[in-house]
Amino acid sequence: MKKEFNFVIIFQSNKYILGETRVAKTIKELFDLSGKVAIVTGGSRGIGKEMAEGLAEAGASLMLCARREEWLSETLEEFRGKGFRVEGKVADVSKAEDVQAVVNETINVFGKVDVLVNNAGISWGAMPEEMSLAQWQKVLDVNLTGCFLFAQIVGREMLKNNSGSIINIASIAGLKSSANGPFYAGYAASKAGLIGLTRELAASWGRKGIRVNAIAPGFFHSRLADKVIDIYERSIQENNVIPRIGEEGELKGAAVFLASDASSYITGQTIVVDGGMTV
């Protein structure tokens, strides 16, 4: 005897609804970070500061961490002068106790963590046959282990609320290399590893409400990149699809997008912001 099954699909505003009904948001609502709390590592200078500023402009409260008090204090004063709600803490991201202290302070001050931007990073240039183990290890400890520690400890807090967005700042160095350099095996390995870690964390936590994505910048002016940029800027101008170095403010949009509900159906991805260098 055949059994008959009836399937009902309800259409509303050209969308099918399965399970709970989601109310469509306006574009302003999608990008609004009001009421959200974000930790930004390496947030006192360079692209970390830029992305932190973008999150604050979208409404987020900030906890910045950096290795040096003088840089952190200067940025905190500047941001407070702009009306941002921001706190800061000196920390070494490669030390679990420092990471835990930053997260504890964030919970004490703001009550939660909604967004983590894993931006802190260092580099060391040397030919691989000349690079010491200590140099290699230091770069991996900060760029990869530090990101894991922050994701792990912040992830524990996000899991309590079944919600959160983690943004790992990788690099095109994790996607491509050049026979003309720069030669920085530890940095390239750490950024390639961070892209893999991004996918794994996304797969591990996606069904628990946490999204994990990465941004892979090309060349942007910063204390870390300027020495390399001075050498390769002419080549970038000649060969890049967009023939210039990335400009200030051009990473804000990607950071706010991945932190906000505008990217609510995106996880495990790496957004490349490089002017077409990796096309």
C-alpha atoms as a PDB file:
ATOM      1  CA  MET A   1       0.000   0.000   0.000  1.00  0.00           C
ATOM      2  CA  LYS A   2       1.409   3.339  -1.024  1.00  0.00           C
ATOM      3  CA  LYS A   3       1.706   6.111   1.513  1.00  0.00           C
ATOM      4  CA  GLU A   4       1.125   9.659   0.426  1.00  0.00           C
ATOM      5  CA  PHE A   5       3.226  12.501   1.786  1.00  0.00           C
ATOM      6  CA  ASN A   6       2.242  16.124   1.516  1.00  0.00           C
ATOM      7  CA  PHE A   7       4.983  18.750   1.535  1.00  0.00           C
ATOM      8  CA  VAL A   8       4.096  22.359   2.147  1.00  0.00           C
ATOM      9  CA  ILE A   9       6.450  25.179   1.319  1.00  0.00           C
ATOM     10  CA  ILE A  10       5.348  28.599   2.484  1.00  0.00           C
ATOM     11  CA  PHE A  11       6.443  31.527   0.345  1.00  0.00           C
ATOM     12  CA  GLN A  12       6.802  34.951   1.904  1.00  0.00           C
ATOM     13  CA  SER A  13       8.452  37.903   0.192  1.00  0.00           C
ATOM     14  CA  ASN A  14       9.917  35.551  -2.436  1.00  0.00           C
ATOM     15  CA  LYS A  15      11.612  33.429   0.236  1.00  0.00           C
ATOM     16  CA  TYR A  16      10.817  29.928   1.361  1.00  0.00           C
ATOM     17  CA  ILE A  17      10.604  29.396   5.066  1.00  0.00           C
ATOM     18  CA  LEU A  18      11.720  26.215   6.763  1.00  0.00           C
ATOM     19  CA  GLY A  19      11.647  26.109  10.539  1.00  0.00           C
ATOM     20  CA  GLU A  20      11.884  29.494  12.257  1.00  0.00           C
ATOM     21  CA  THR A  21      10.972  32.609  10.345  1.00  0.00           C
ATOM     22  CA  ARG A  22      13.759  35.108   9.738  1.00  0.00           C
ATOM     23  CA  VAL A  23      12.782  38.713   9.289  1.00  0.00           C
ATOM     24  CA  ALA A  24      14.762  40.370   6.498  1.00  0.00           C
ATOM     25  CA  LYS A  25      16.916  43.280   7.666  1.00  0.00           C
ATOM     26  CA  THR A  26      17.611  46.522   5.872  1.00  0.00           C
ATOM     27  CA  ILE A  27      21.133  47.087   4.583  1.00  0.00           C
ATOM     28  CA  LYS A  28      21.832  49.498   7.455  1.00  0.00           C
ATOM     29  CA  GLU A  29      20.700  46.895   9.969  1.00  0.00           C
ATOM     30  CA  LEU A  30      22.862  44.211   8.347  1.00  0.00           C
ATOM     31  CA  PHE A  31      26.049  46.232   8.814  1.00  0.00           C
ATOM     32  CA  ASP A  32      25.124  47.732  12.197  1.00  0.00           C
ATOM     33  CA  LEU A  33      27.374  46.593  15.064  1.00  0.00           C
ATOM     34  CA  SER A  34      25.646  48.588  17.806  1.00  0.00           C
ATOM     35  CA  GLY A  35      25.680  46.616  21.040  1.00  0.00           C
ATOM     36  CA  LYS A  36      28.437  44.301  19.820  1.00  0.00           C
ATOM     37  CA  VAL A  37      31.774  43.871  21.603  1.00  0.00           C
ATOM     38  CA  ALA A  38      34.966  43.246  19.630  1.00  0.00           C
ATOM     39  CA  ILE A  39      38.475  42.259  20.678  1.00  0.00           C
ATOM     40  CA  VAL A  40      41.161  43.359  18.213  1.00  0.00           C
ATOM     41  CA  THR A  41      44.681  42.025  18.722  1.00  0.00           C
ATOM     42  CA  GLY A  42      47.505  44.199  17.487  1.00  0.00           C
ATOM     43  CA  GLY A  43      44.914  46.953  17.457  1.00  0.00           C
ATOM     44  CA  SER A  44      47.111  49.914  18.342  1.00  0.00           C
ATOM     45  CA  ARG A  45      48.784  50.475  14.958  1.00  0.00           C
ATOM     46  CA  GLY A  46      48.629  49.736  11.249  1.00  0.00           C
ATOM     47  CA  ILE A  47      45.873  47.648   9.734  1.00  0.00           C
ATOM     48  CA  GLY A  48      44.737  46.415  13.157  1.00  0.00           C
ATOM     49  CA  LYS A  49      44.016  49.975  14.229  1.00  0.00           C
ATOM     50  CA  GLU A  50      42.257  50.652  10.924  1.00  0.00           C
ATOM     51  CA  MET A  51      39.965  47.646  11.255  1.00  0.00           C
ATOM     52  CA  ALA A  52      39.247  48.435  14.906  1.00  0.00           C
ATOM     53  CA  GLU A  53      38.251  51.955  13.887  1.00  0.00           C
ATOM     54  CA  GLY A  54      35.902  50.539  11.250  1.00  0.00           C
ATOM     55  CA  LEU A  55      34.202  48.288  13.797  1.00  0.00           C
ATOM     56  CA  ALA A  56      33.794  51.212  16.203  1.00  0.00           C
ATOM     57  CA  GLU A  57      32.387  53.431  13.437  1.00  0.00           C
ATOM     58  CA  ALA A  58      29.800  50.691  12.828  1.00  0.00           C
ATOM     59  CA  GLY A  59      28.832  50.845  16.518  1.00  0.00           C
ATOM     60  CA  ALA A  60      30.945  48.197  18.269  1.00  0.00           C
ATOM     61  CA  SER A  61      32.623  48.605  21.639  1.00  0.00           C
ATOM     62  CA  LEU A  62      36.315  47.688  21.547  1.00  0.00           C
ATOM     63  CA  MET A  63      38.936  45.921  23.598  1.00  0.00           C
ATOM     64  CA  LEU A  64      42.329  46.514  22.001  1.00  0.00           C
ATOM     65  CA  CYS A  65      45.444  44.602  22.926  1.00  0.00           C
ATOM     66  CA  ALA A  66      49.034  45.339  21.953  1.00  0.00           C
ATOM     67  CA  ARG A  67      52.553  44.505  23.071  1.00  0.00           C
ATOM     68  CA  ARG A  68      53.632  48.062  23.843  1.00  0.00           C
ATOM     69  CA  GLU A  69      51.941  50.367  26.331  1.00  0.00           C
ATOM     70  CA  GLU A  70      53.013  53.577  24.592  1.00  0.00           C
ATOM     71  CA  TRP A  71      51.363  52.597  21.300  1.00  0.00           C
ATOM     72  CA  LEU A  72      48.238  51.333  23.008  1.00  0.00           C
ATOM     73  CA  SER A  73      47.762  54.418  25.194  1.00  0.00           C
ATOM     74  CA  GLU A  74      48.098  56.733  22.208  1.00  0.00           C
ATOM     75  CA  THR A  75      45.438  54.866  20.221  1.00  0.00           C
ATOM     76  CA  LEU A  76      43.065  54.635  23.180  1.00  0.00           C
ATOM     77  CA  GLU A  77      43.282  58.393  23.671  1.00  0.00           C
ATOM     78  CA  GLU A  78      42.678  59.010  19.960  1.00  0.00           C
ATOM     79  CA  PHE A  79      39.680  56.662  19.792  1.00  0.00           C
ATOM     80  CA  ARG A  80      38.098  58.054  22.941  1.00  0.00           C
ATOM     81  CA  GLY A  81      38.460  61.509  21.427  1.00  0.00           C
ATOM     82  CA  LYS A  82      36.303  60.268  18.543  1.00  0.00           C
ATOM     83  CA  GLY A  83      33.613  59.118  20.946  1.00  0.00           C
ATOM     84  CA  PHE A  84      34.327  55.398  20.691  1.00  0.00           C
ATOM     85  CA  ARG A  85      33.760  53.128  23.671  1.00  0.00           C
ATOM     86  CA  VAL A  86      37.156  51.454  23.970  1.00  0.00           C
ATOM     87  CA  GLU A  87      39.404  49.798  26.536  1.00  0.00           C
ATOM     88  CA  GLY A  88      42.850  48.274  26.144  1.00  0.00           C
ATOM     89  CA  LYS A  89      45.286  45.819  27.666  1.00  0.00           C
ATOM     90  CA  VAL A  90      48.958  45.065  27.073  1.00  0.00           C
ATOM     91  CA  ALA A  91      49.408  41.426  26.101  1.00  0.00           C
ATOM     92  CA  ASP A  92      51.669  38.945  24.352  1.00  0.00           C
ATOM     93  CA  VAL A  93      49.324  36.803  22.264  1.00  0.00           C
ATOM     94  CA  SER A  94      51.719  33.844  22.349  1.00  0.00           C
ATOM     95  CA  LYS A  95      51.205  33.521  26.140  1.00  0.00           C
ATOM     96  CA  ALA A  96      48.015  31.792  27.223  1.00  0.00           C
ATOM     97  CA  GLU A  97      47.894  33.661  30.531  1.00  0.00           C
ATOM     98  CA  ASP A  98      47.998  37.038  28.733  1.00  0.00           C
ATOM     99  CA  VAL A  99      45.252  35.956  26.343  1.00  0.00           C
ATOM    100  CA  GLN A 100      43.061  34.781  29.203  1.00  0.00           C
ATOM    101  CA  ALA A 101      43.633  38.091  31.007  1.00  0.00           C
ATOM    102  CA  VAL A 102      42.452  40.075  27.955  1.00  0.00           C
ATOM    103  CA  VAL A 103      39.312  37.953  27.623  1.00  0.00           C
ATOM    104  CA  ASN A 104      38.610  38.171  31.367  1.00  0.00           C
ATOM    105  CA  GLU A 105      38.946  41.955  31.263  1.00  0.00           C
ATOM    106  CA  THR A 106      36.605  42.144  28.273  1.00  0.00           C
ATOM    107  CA  ILE A 107      33.959  40.110  30.082  1.00  0.00           C
ATOM    108  CA  ASN A 108      34.387  42.193  33.250  1.00  0.00           C
ATOM    109  CA  VAL A 109      34.009  45.490  31.391  1.00  0.00           C
ATOM    110  CA  PHE A 110      31.550  44.656  28.609  1.00  0.00           C
ATOM    111  CA  GLY A 111      29.919  41.409  29.746  1.00  0.00           C
ATOM    112  CA  LYS A 112      30.511  39.434  26.537  1.00  0.00           C
ATOM    113  CA  VAL A 113      32.547  39.008  23.342  1.00  0.00           C
ATOM    114  CA  ASP A 114      30.814  39.029  19.954  1.00  0.00           C
ATOM    115  CA  VAL A 115      33.731  39.550  17.582  1.00  0.00           C
ATOM    116  CA  LEU A 116      37.411  38.612  17.609  1.00  0.00           C
ATOM    117  CA  VAL A 117      39.878  40.048  15.093  1.00  0.00           C
ATOM    118  CA  ASN A 118      43.077  37.985  15.263  1.00  0.00           C
ATOM    119  CA  ASN A 119      45.435  40.551  13.775  1.00  0.00           C
ATOM    120  CA  ALA A 120      48.636  40.549  15.871  1.00  0.00           C
ATOM    121  CA  GLY A 121      51.584  39.373  13.815  1.00  0.00           C
ATOM    122  CA  ILE A 122      55.320  39.608  13.285  1.00  0.00           C
ATOM    123  CA  SER A 123      57.739  38.647  10.524  1.00  0.00           C
ATOM    124  CA  TRP A 124      61.390  37.775  10.033  1.00  0.00           C
ATOM    125  CA  GLY A 125      63.125  37.935   6.689  1.00  0.00           C
ATOM    126  CA  ALA A 126      65.900  35.449   5.943  1.00  0.00           C
ATOM    127  CA  MET A 127      66.788  32.785   3.422  1.00  0.00           C
ATOM    128  CA  PRO A 128      65.492  29.442   4.711  1.00  0.00           C
ATOM    129  CA  GLU A 129      68.996  27.947   4.929  1.00  0.00           C
ATOM    130  CA  GLU A 130      70.014  30.818   7.199  1.00  0.00           C
ATOM    131  CA  MET A 131      66.924  31.172   9.392  1.00  0.00           C
ATOM    132  CA  SER A 132      67.505  30.104  12.972  1.00  0.00           C
ATOM    133  CA  LEU A 133      65.039  27.884  14.784  1.00  0.00           C
ATOM    134  CA  ALA A 134      64.487  30.676  17.313  1.00  0.00           C
ATOM    135  CA  GLN A 135      63.475  33.097  14.548  1.00  0.00           C
ATOM    136  CA  TRP A 136      61.144  30.536  12.980  1.00  0.00           C
ATOM    137  CA  GLN A 137      59.573  29.637  16.312  1.00  0.00           C
ATOM    138  CA  LYS A 138      58.952  33.223  17.381  1.00  0.00           C
ATOM    139  CA  VAL A 139      57.007  33.979  14.201  1.00  0.00           C
ATOM    140  CA  LEU A 140      54.923  30.798  14.480  1.00  0.00           C
ATOM    141  CA  ASP A 141      54.265  31.420  18.187  1.00  0.00           C
ATOM    142  CA  VAL A 142      52.737  34.848  17.533  1.00  0.00           C
ATOM    143  CA  ASN A 143      51.151  34.461  14.101  1.00  0.00           C
ATOM    144  CA  LEU A 144      49.645  30.992  14.418  1.00  0.00           C
ATOM    145  CA  THR A 145      49.711  29.774  18.024  1.00  0.00           C
ATOM    146  CA  GLY A 146      48.617  33.204  19.245  1.00  0.00           C
ATOM    147  CA  CYS A 147      45.619  33.134  16.918  1.00  0.00           C
ATOM    148  CA  PHE A 148      44.702  29.651  18.083  1.00  0.00           C
ATOM    149  CA  LEU A 149      44.938  30.648  21.750  1.00  0.00           C
ATOM    150  CA  PHE A 150      42.724  33.688  21.269  1.00  0.00           C
ATOM    151  CA  ALA A 151      40.216  31.743  19.176  1.00  0.00           C
ATOM    152  CA  GLN A 152      40.129  28.952  21.740  1.00  0.00           C
ATOM    153  CA  ILE A 153      39.621  31.174  24.783  1.00  0.00           C
ATOM    154  CA  VAL A 154      37.212  33.583  23.090  1.00  0.00           C
ATOM    155  CA  GLY A 155      35.445  30.613  21.510  1.00  0.00           C
ATOM    156  CA  ARG A 156      34.620  29.257  24.960  1.00  0.00           C
ATOM    157  CA  GLU A 157      32.793  32.505  25.720  1.00  0.00           C
ATOM    158  CA  MET A 158      31.026  32.601  22.358  1.00  0.00           C
ATOM    159  CA  LEU A 159      29.831  29.030  22.800  1.00  0.00           C
ATOM    160  CA  LYS A 160      27.946  30.104  25.915  1.00  0.00           C
ATOM    161  CA  ASN A 161      25.784  32.342  23.709  1.00  0.00           C
ATOM    162  CA  ASN A 162      25.819  30.192  20.552  1.00  0.00           C
ATOM    163  CA  SER A 163      26.934  33.262  18.628  1.00  0.00           C
ATOM    164  CA  GLY A 164      30.062  35.007  17.420  1.00  0.00           C
ATOM    165  CA  SER A 165      32.328  35.977  14.547  1.00  0.00           C
ATOM    166  CA  ILE A 166      36.081  35.329  14.470  1.00  0.00           C
ATOM    167  CA  ILE A 167      38.163  37.065  11.804  1.00  0.00           C
ATOM    168  CA  ASN A 168      41.713  35.846  11.275  1.00  0.00           C
ATOM    169  CA  ILE A 169      44.063  38.216   9.467  1.00  0.00           C
ATOM    170  CA  ALA A 170      46.075  36.043   7.120  1.00  0.00           C
ATOM    171  CA  SER A 171      48.037  37.315   4.100  1.00  0.00           C
ATOM    172  CA  ILE A 172      48.531  36.638   0.424  1.00  0.00           C
ATOM    173  CA  ALA A 173      51.878  35.239   1.643  1.00  0.00           C
ATOM    174  CA  GLY A 174      49.821  32.219   2.701  1.00  0.00           C
ATOM    175  CA  LEU A 175      48.554  31.804  -0.866  1.00  0.00           C
ATOM    176  CA  LYS A 176      51.503  32.611  -3.145  1.00  0.00           C
ATOM    177  CA  SER A 177      55.277  33.041  -3.150  1.00  0.00           C
ATOM    178  CA  SER A 178      57.813  34.569  -5.527  1.00  0.00           C
ATOM    179  CA  ALA A 179      61.286  33.576  -6.670  1.00  0.00           C
ATOM    180  CA  ASN A 180      62.148  37.263  -6.305  1.00  0.00           C
ATOM    181  CA  GLY A 181      61.181  37.323  -2.619  1.00  0.00           C
ATOM    182  CA  PRO A 182      60.451  38.502  -0.059  1.00  0.00           C
ATOM    183  CA  PHE A 183      61.937  35.469   1.662  1.00  0.00           C
ATOM    184  CA  TYR A 184      60.213  34.828   4.987  1.00  0.00           C
ATOM    185  CA  ALA A 185      59.522  31.130   5.406  1.00  0.00           C
ATOM    186  CA  GLY A 186      58.128  31.423   8.928  1.00  0.00           C
ATOM    187  CA  TYR A 187      55.710  34.191   7.995  1.00  0.00           C
ATOM    188  CA  ALA A 188      54.484  32.412   4.857  1.00  0.00           C
ATOM    189  CA  ALA A 189      54.038  29.138   6.752  1.00  0.00           C
ATOM    190  CA  SER A 190      52.186  30.846   9.599  1.00  0.00           C
ATOM    191  CA  LYS A 191      49.739  32.573   7.261  1.00  0.00           C
ATOM    192  CA  ALA A 192      49.086  29.418   5.232  1.00  0.00           C
ATOM    193  CA  GLY A 193      48.515  27.613   8.523  1.00  0.00           C
ATOM    194  CA  LEU A 194      46.128  30.334   9.662  1.00  0.00           C
ATOM    195  CA  ILE A 195      44.010  29.868   6.540  1.00  0.00           C
ATOM    196  CA  GLY A 196      43.800  26.152   7.324  1.00  0.00           C
ATOM    197  CA  LEU A 197      42.978  26.878  10.967  1.00  0.00           C
ATOM    198  CA  THR A 198      40.203  29.201   9.804  1.00  0.00           C
ATOM    199  CA  ARG A 199      38.540  26.400   7.847  1.00  0.00           C
ATOM    200  CA  GLU A 200      38.894  23.920  10.700  1.00  0.00           C
ATOM    201  CA  LEU A 201      37.462  26.235  13.342  1.00  0.00           C
ATOM    202  CA  ALA A 202      34.585  27.110  11.014  1.00  0.00           C
ATOM    203  CA  ALA A 203      33.807  23.419  10.558  1.00  0.00           C
ATOM    204  CA  SER A 204      34.097  22.749  14.293  1.00  0.00           C
ATOM    205  CA  TRP A 205      31.902  25.588  15.508  1.00  0.00           C
ATOM    206  CA  GLY A 206      29.557  26.393  12.630  1.00  0.00           C
ATOM    207  CA  ARG A 207      26.657  24.369  14.035  1.00  0.00           C
ATOM    208  CA  LYS A 208      27.119  26.104  17.376  1.00  0.00           C
ATOM    209  CA  GLY A 209      26.557  29.593  16.006  1.00  0.00           C
ATOM    210  CA  ILE A 210      30.154  30.744  15.546  1.00  0.00           C
ATOM    211  CA  ARG A 211      31.413  31.863  12.152  1.00  0.00           C
ATOM    212  CA  VAL A 212      35.148  31.910  11.389  1.00  0.00           C
ATOM    213  CA  ASN A 213      36.589  33.647   8.337  1.00  0.00           C
ATOM    214  CA  ALA A 214      39.874  35.185   7.245  1.00  0.00           C
ATOM    215  CA  ILE A 215      41.060  38.280   5.427  1.00  0.00           C
ATOM    216  CA  ALA A 216      44.218  37.957   3.326  1.00  0.00           C
ATOM    217  CA  PRO A 217      45.571  41.451   2.625  1.00  0.00           C
ATOM    218  CA  GLY A 218      48.056  42.197  -0.101  1.00  0.00           C
ATOM    219  CA  PHE A 219      50.516  45.051   0.381  1.00  0.00           C
ATOM    220  CA  PHE A 220      49.352  47.833   2.693  1.00  0.00           C
ATOM    221  CA  HIS A 221      51.557  50.403   4.364  1.00  0.00           C
ATOM    222  CA  SER A 222      52.420  49.411   7.934  1.00  0.00           C
ATOM    223  CA  ARG A 223      55.454  49.206  10.178  1.00  0.00           C
ATOM    224  CA  LEU A 224      55.699  45.500   9.327  1.00  0.00           C
ATOM    225  CA  ALA A 225      55.320  45.831   5.554  1.00  0.00           C
ATOM    226  CA  ASP A 226      56.989  49.118   4.637  1.00  0.00           C
ATOM    227  CA  LYS A 227      60.510  47.730   4.248  1.00  0.00           C
ATOM    228  CA  VAL A 228      59.238  45.181   1.724  1.00  0.00           C
ATOM    229  CA  ILE A 229      56.983  47.721   0.010  1.00  0.00           C
ATOM    230  CA  ASP A 230      59.941  50.035  -0.591  1.00  0.00           C
ATOM    231  CA  ILE A 231      61.591  47.250  -2.582  1.00  0.00           C
ATOM    232  CA  TYR A 232      58.563  45.991  -4.523  1.00  0.00           C
ATOM    233  CA  GLU A 233      56.297  49.003  -5.012  1.00  0.00           C
ATOM    234  CA  ARG A 234      57.437  49.612  -8.587  1.00  0.00           C
ATOM    235  CA  SER A 235      56.780  45.978  -9.503  1.00  0.00           C
ATOM    236  CA  ILE A 236      53.322  46.214  -7.931  1.00  0.00           C
ATOM    237  CA  GLN A 237      52.578  49.338  -9.934  1.00  0.00           C
ATOM    238  CA  GLU A 238      53.631  47.573 -13.134  1.00  0.00           C
ATOM    239  CA  ASN A 239      52.019  44.177 -12.569  1.00  0.00           C
ATOM    240  CA  ASN A 240      49.052  44.482 -10.212  1.00  0.00           C
ATOM    241  CA  VAL A 241      45.553  44.502 -11.717  1.00  0.00           C
ATOM    242  CA  ILE A 242      44.892  47.610  -9.615  1.00  0.00           C
ATOM    243  CA  PRO A 243      48.362  49.137 -10.012  1.00  0.00           C
ATOM    244  CA  ARG A 244      49.079  50.512  -6.553  1.00  0.00           C
ATOM    245  CA  ILE A 245      49.588  49.712  -2.886  1.00  0.00           C
ATOM    246  CA  GLY A 246      46.452  49.307  -0.779  1.00  0.00           C
ATOM    247  CA  GLU A 247      45.314  52.568   0.766  1.00  0.00           C
ATOM    248  CA  GLU A 248      44.234  53.481   4.271  1.00  0.00           C
ATOM    249  CA  GLY A 249      40.620  52.515   4.895  1.00  0.00           C
ATOM    250  CA  GLU A 250      40.412  49.758   2.286  1.00  0.00           C
ATOM    251  CA  LEU A 251      40.336  46.980   4.899  1.00  0.00           C
ATOM    252  CA  LYS A 252      37.577  48.514   7.001  1.00  0.00           C
ATOM    253  CA  GLY A 253      34.791  47.264   4.758  1.00  0.00           C
ATOM    254  CA  ALA A 254      35.942  43.643   4.763  1.00  0.00           C
ATOM    255  CA  ALA A 255      36.302  43.647   8.559  1.00  0.00           C
ATOM    256  CA  VAL A 256      32.868  45.173   9.194  1.00  0.00           C
ATOM    257  CA  PHE A 257      31.286  42.849   6.627  1.00  0.00           C
ATOM    258  CA  LEU A 258      32.657  39.698   8.291  1.00  0.00           C
ATOM    259  CA  ALA A 259      31.862  40.959  11.794  1.00  0.00           C
ATOM    260  CA  SER A 260      28.253  41.843  10.970  1.00  0.00           C
ATOM    261  CA  ASP A 261      25.052  40.086  10.001  1.00  0.00           C
ATOM    262  CA  ALA A 262      25.758  41.083   6.402  1.00  0.00           C
ATOM    263  CA  SER A 263      27.919  37.937   6.235  1.00  0.00           C
ATOM    264  CA  SER A 264      25.656  35.697   8.335  1.00  0.00           C
ATOM    265  CA  TYR A 265      25.736  32.860   5.747  1.00  0.00           C
ATOM    266  CA  ILE A 266      29.517  32.975   5.193  1.00  0.00           C
ATOM    267  CA  THR A 267      32.019  30.893   7.139  1.00  0.00           C
ATOM    268  CA  GLY A 268      35.337  29.164   6.537  1.00  0.00           C
ATOM    269  CA  GLN A 269      36.250  31.599   3.773  1.00  0.00           C
ATOM    270  CA  THR A 270      39.291  33.749   3.041  1.00  0.00           C
ATOM    271  CA  ILE A 271      38.576  37.145   1.497  1.00  0.00           C
ATOM    272  CA  VAL A 272      41.592  38.356  -0.483  1.00  0.00           C
ATOM    273  CA  VAL A 273      42.100  42.137  -0.509  1.00  0.00           C
ATOM    274  CA  ASP A 274      45.118  42.589  -2.768  1.00  0.00           C
ATOM    275  CA  GLY A 275      44.182  44.711  -5.770  1.00  0.00           C
ATOM    276  CA  GLY A 276      44.159  41.628  -7.950  1.00  0.00           C
ATOM    277  CA  MET A 277      47.692  40.430  -7.205  1.00  0.00           C
ATOM    278  CA  THR A 278      46.551  36.809  -6.881  1.00  0.00           C
ATOM    279  CA  VAL A 279      44.253  36.818  -9.930  1.00  0.00           C
END
